[in-house]
């Protein structure tokens, strides 16, 4: 089984990496970009018997800082 976890900063949390990407794109002539939020994608290969609940527990305990980040789990 495979799972994909998308982790993003919550709305209202400062995203300096996203701001740096937006600035760099503007400097390259891509003035149409008005905002960037950067996150991460984590692909997991799981043993037989693993569940979405197991992946959610992994997110809560390690993969996402739930104080400032939100996450979504996709079973592939």
Protein backbone atom coordinates (compact mmCIF):
# COMPACT_ATOMS: atom_id res chain seq x y z
CA UNK A 1 0.00 0.00 0.00
CA UNK A 2 1.16 3.52 -0.69
CA UNK A 3 0.12 6.78 0.93
CA UNK A 4 0.86 10.39 0.11
CA UNK A 5 0.81 13.09 2.78
CA UNK A 6 0.54 16.77 1.85
CA UNK A 7 1.74 19.15 4.58
CA UNK A 8 1.15 22.92 4.35
CA UNK A 9 1.49 25.82 6.74
CA UNK A 10 -1.86 26.90 8.13
CA UNK A 11 -3.42 30.12 6.86
CA UNK A 12 -2.05 33.10 8.76
CA UNK A 13 1.33 31.47 9.46
CA UNK A 14 4.23 33.38 7.92
CA UNK A 15 5.80 31.46 5.01
CA UNK A 16 9.30 32.92 4.39
CA UNK A 17 10.17 30.23 1.82
CA UNK A 18 7.02 30.99 -0.14
CA UNK A 19 7.80 34.72 0.00
CA UNK A 20 11.33 34.09 -1.28
CA UNK A 21 10.01 32.01 -4.19
CA UNK A 22 7.44 34.70 -5.04
CA UNK A 23 10.15 37.37 -4.97
CA UNK A 24 12.49 35.29 -7.17
CA UNK A 25 9.72 34.62 -9.69
CA UNK A 26 8.96 38.35 -9.84
CA UNK A 27 12.64 39.11 -10.45
CA UNK A 28 12.57 36.62 -13.33
CA UNK A 29 9.70 38.50 -14.97
CA UNK A 30 6.80 36.42 -13.68
CA UNK A 31 4.95 39.42 -12.26
CA UNK A 32 1.61 37.60 -12.46
CA UNK A 33 2.49 35.58 -9.34
CA UNK A 34 1.03 37.43 -6.36
CA UNK A 35 1.53 34.81 -3.68
CA UNK A 36 3.24 31.50 -3.00
CA UNK A 37 2.70 28.99 -0.20
CA UNK A 38 5.28 26.24 -0.02
CA UNK A 39 4.67 22.84 1.51
CA UNK A 40 5.95 19.31 1.36
CA UNK A 41 4.79 15.97 0.00
CA UNK A 42 5.73 12.74 1.75
CA UNK A 43 5.27 9.42 -0.06
CA UNK A 44 5.08 6.36 2.16
CA UNK A 45 5.41 2.69 1.19
CA UNK A 46 3.45 0.74 3.79
CA UNK A 47 3.33 -2.92 4.74
CA UNK A 48 0.22 -4.99 4.23
CA UNK A 49 -2.35 -4.28 6.92
CA UNK A 50 -1.48 -0.61 7.39
CA UNK A 51 -4.44 1.75 7.42
CA UNK A 52 -5.23 5.38 6.79
CA UNK A 53 -5.62 5.72 10.55
CA UNK A 54 -1.99 4.60 10.96
CA UNK A 55 -0.85 7.30 8.52
CA UNK A 56 -2.94 9.89 10.34
CA UNK A 57 -1.28 8.90 13.60
CA UNK A 58 2.14 9.27 11.95
CA UNK A 59 1.18 12.78 10.87
CA UNK A 60 -0.02 13.73 14.33
CA UNK A 61 3.12 12.40 16.02
CA UNK A 62 5.91 13.22 13.55
CA UNK A 63 5.22 14.22 9.97
CA UNK A 64 3.35 17.48 10.62
CA UNK A 65 3.69 20.14 13.30
CA UNK A 66 -0.04 20.43 13.91
CA UNK A 67 0.34 23.73 15.75
CA UNK A 68 1.34 25.54 12.54
CA UNK A 69 0.76 22.98 9.77
CA UNK A 70 -2.23 21.20 8.30
CA UNK A 71 -2.03 17.92 6.42
CA UNK A 72 -4.07 15.67 4.19
CA UNK A 73 -3.66 11.94 3.61
CA UNK A 74 -4.19 10.28 0.24
CA UNK A 75 -4.17 6.48 -0.06
CA UNK A 76 -2.81 5.53 -3.48
